[in-house]
Every structure is written in C-alpha cells, then in structure tokens.
C-alpha cells in the first residue's frame, strides 16, 4: 500500500467548509476527490481540521482553546 498524496492547505480548507455545512465525511472526500487516509494524516497537525472532524465548528474561538496544550 502506498502513502496517500498529502492534503494541500486549499484542499483542507475546502473540506472544512463542506463539513461545516453538514456534509458527511465519506461523501465530502468523494466529492472533492480526496483520499480519506490523507485527511486523517493531515488532521494530526491541522487543528481546524481535527475540530471539524469531531463535529464541532472550528471557527468558534472556544473550540480551538480545547485543543491547545498547556505550556
């Protein structure tokens, strides 16, 4: 099995927008032509994507605060 092509910032942003509007993840990746494995790989380092995958709105400031690690 080969590694998926990494998600670009633009693809991640489009996916976030589609998911925020209620689209199912499987349908969204199919519609956008994105490899689901690439989505999970990007979510490890993309806070907004991780938040939207959890079913929350990544543009609400309180949501981002829940994911930050204390320093």
C-alpha atoms as a PDB file:
ATOM      1  CA  UNK A   1       0.000   0.000   0.000  1.00  0.00           C
ATOM      2  CA  UNK A   2       1.385   3.390  -0.932  1.00  0.00           C
ATOM      3  CA  UNK A   3       1.134   6.505   1.167  1.00  0.00           C
ATOM      4  CA  UNK A   4      -1.634   8.908   0.183  1.00  0.00           C
ATOM      5  CA  UNK A   5      -0.815  12.159  -1.556  1.00  0.00           C
ATOM      6  CA  UNK A   6      -0.688  14.776   1.229  1.00  0.00           C
ATOM      7  CA  UNK A   7      -3.615  17.160   1.502  1.00  0.00           C
ATOM      8  CA  UNK A   8      -2.843  20.713   0.440  1.00  0.00           C
ATOM      9  CA  UNK A   9      -3.948  23.656   2.541  1.00  0.00           C
ATOM     10  CA  UNK A  10      -6.528  24.555  -0.078  1.00  0.00           C
ATOM     11  CA  UNK A  11      -7.980  21.024  -0.090  1.00  0.00           C
ATOM     12  CA  UNK A  12      -8.154  21.021   3.712  1.00  0.00           C
ATOM     13  CA  UNK A  13      -9.891  24.393   3.692  1.00  0.00           C
ATOM     14  CA  UNK A  14     -12.447  23.227   1.113  1.00  0.00           C
ATOM     15  CA  UNK A  15     -13.084  20.054   3.107  1.00  0.00           C
ATOM     16  CA  UNK A  16     -13.584  22.053   6.313  1.00  0.00           C
ATOM     17  CA  UNK A  17     -16.113  24.293   4.558  1.00  0.00           C
ATOM     18  CA  UNK A  18     -18.059  21.331   3.174  1.00  0.00           C
ATOM     19  CA  UNK A  19     -18.087  19.542   6.538  1.00  0.00           C
ATOM     20  CA  UNK A  20     -19.187  22.701   8.378  1.00  0.00           C
ATOM     21  CA  UNK A  21     -22.235  22.773   6.116  1.00  0.00           C
ATOM     22  CA  UNK A  22     -23.292  19.307   7.228  1.00  0.00           C
ATOM     23  CA  UNK A  23     -21.864  17.061   4.528  1.00  0.00           C
ATOM     24  CA  UNK A  24     -20.928  13.509   5.547  1.00  0.00           C
ATOM     25  CA  UNK A  25     -17.139  12.898   5.589  1.00  0.00           C
ATOM     26  CA  UNK A  26     -17.240   9.997   3.126  1.00  0.00           C
ATOM     27  CA  UNK A  27     -19.403  11.961   0.703  1.00  0.00           C
ATOM     28  CA  UNK A  28     -17.220  15.056   1.058  1.00  0.00           C
ATOM     29  CA  UNK A  29     -13.940  13.281   0.284  1.00  0.00           C
ATOM     30  CA  UNK A  30     -15.536  11.528  -2.698  1.00  0.00           C
ATOM     31  CA  UNK A  31     -16.958  14.812  -3.983  1.00  0.00           C
ATOM     32  CA  UNK A  32     -13.613  16.600  -3.607  1.00  0.00           C
ATOM     33  CA  UNK A  33     -11.516  13.701  -4.885  1.00  0.00           C
ATOM     34  CA  UNK A  34      -9.511  13.446  -1.667  1.00  0.00           C
ATOM     35  CA  UNK A  35      -8.009  10.266  -0.194  1.00  0.00           C
ATOM     36  CA  UNK A  36      -9.513   9.650   3.255  1.00  0.00           C
ATOM     37  CA  UNK A  37      -6.128   8.486   4.564  1.00  0.00           C
ATOM     38  CA  UNK A  38      -4.687  11.887   3.630  1.00  0.00           C
ATOM     39  CA  UNK A  39      -7.428  13.573   5.669  1.00  0.00           C
ATOM     40  CA  UNK A  40      -6.531  11.604   8.808  1.00  0.00           C
ATOM     41  CA  UNK A  41      -2.814  12.236   8.259  1.00  0.00           C
ATOM     42  CA  UNK A  42      -3.372  15.998   7.934  1.00  0.00           C
ATOM     43  CA  UNK A  43      -5.686  16.089  10.971  1.00  0.00           C
ATOM     44  CA  UNK A  44      -2.712  15.164  13.175  1.00  0.00           C
ATOM     45  CA  UNK A  45      -1.229  18.617  12.578  1.00  0.00           C
ATOM     46  CA  UNK A  46      -4.205  20.737  11.452  1.00  0.00           C
ATOM     47  CA  UNK A  47      -6.215  21.958  14.440  1.00  0.00           C
ATOM     48  CA  UNK A  48      -9.152  23.270  12.401  1.00  0.00           C
ATOM     49  CA  UNK A  49      -9.478  20.002  10.515  1.00  0.00           C
ATOM     50  CA  UNK A  50      -9.316  17.959  13.713  1.00  0.00           C
ATOM     51  CA  UNK A  51     -12.047  20.119  15.269  1.00  0.00           C
ATOM     52  CA  UNK A  52     -14.402  19.814  12.290  1.00  0.00           C
ATOM     53  CA  UNK A  53     -13.824  16.048  12.146  1.00  0.00           C
ATOM     54  CA  UNK A  54     -15.022  15.945  15.758  1.00  0.00           C
ATOM     55  CA  UNK A  55     -18.283  17.516  14.604  1.00  0.00           C
ATOM     56  CA  UNK A  56     -17.575  20.950  16.040  1.00  0.00           C
ATOM     57  CA  UNK A  57     -17.215  24.386  14.422  1.00  0.00           C
ATOM     58  CA  UNK A  58     -13.509  25.222  14.079  1.00  0.00           C
ATOM     59  CA  UNK A  59     -14.215  28.938  13.736  1.00  0.00           C
ATOM     60  CA  UNK A  60     -15.578  29.279  17.272  1.00  0.00           C
ATOM     61  CA  UNK A  61     -12.676  30.551  19.428  1.00  0.00           C
ATOM     62  CA  UNK A  62     -13.598  28.331  22.377  1.00  0.00           C
ATOM     63  CA  UNK A  63     -13.166  25.192  20.266  1.00  0.00           C
ATOM     64  CA  UNK A  64      -9.570  25.998  19.405  1.00  0.00           C
ATOM     65  CA  UNK A  65      -8.849  26.538  23.088  1.00  0.00           C
ATOM     66  CA  UNK A  66      -9.929  22.985  23.878  1.00  0.00           C
ATOM     67  CA  UNK A  67      -7.252  21.550  21.614  1.00  0.00           C
ATOM     68  CA  UNK A  68      -4.284  23.616  22.754  1.00  0.00           C
ATOM     69  CA  UNK A  69      -1.820  22.042  25.123  1.00  0.00           C
ATOM     70  CA  UNK A  70      -0.947  23.960  28.276  1.00  0.00           C
ATOM     71  CA  UNK A  71       2.585  25.319  28.190  1.00  0.00           C
END
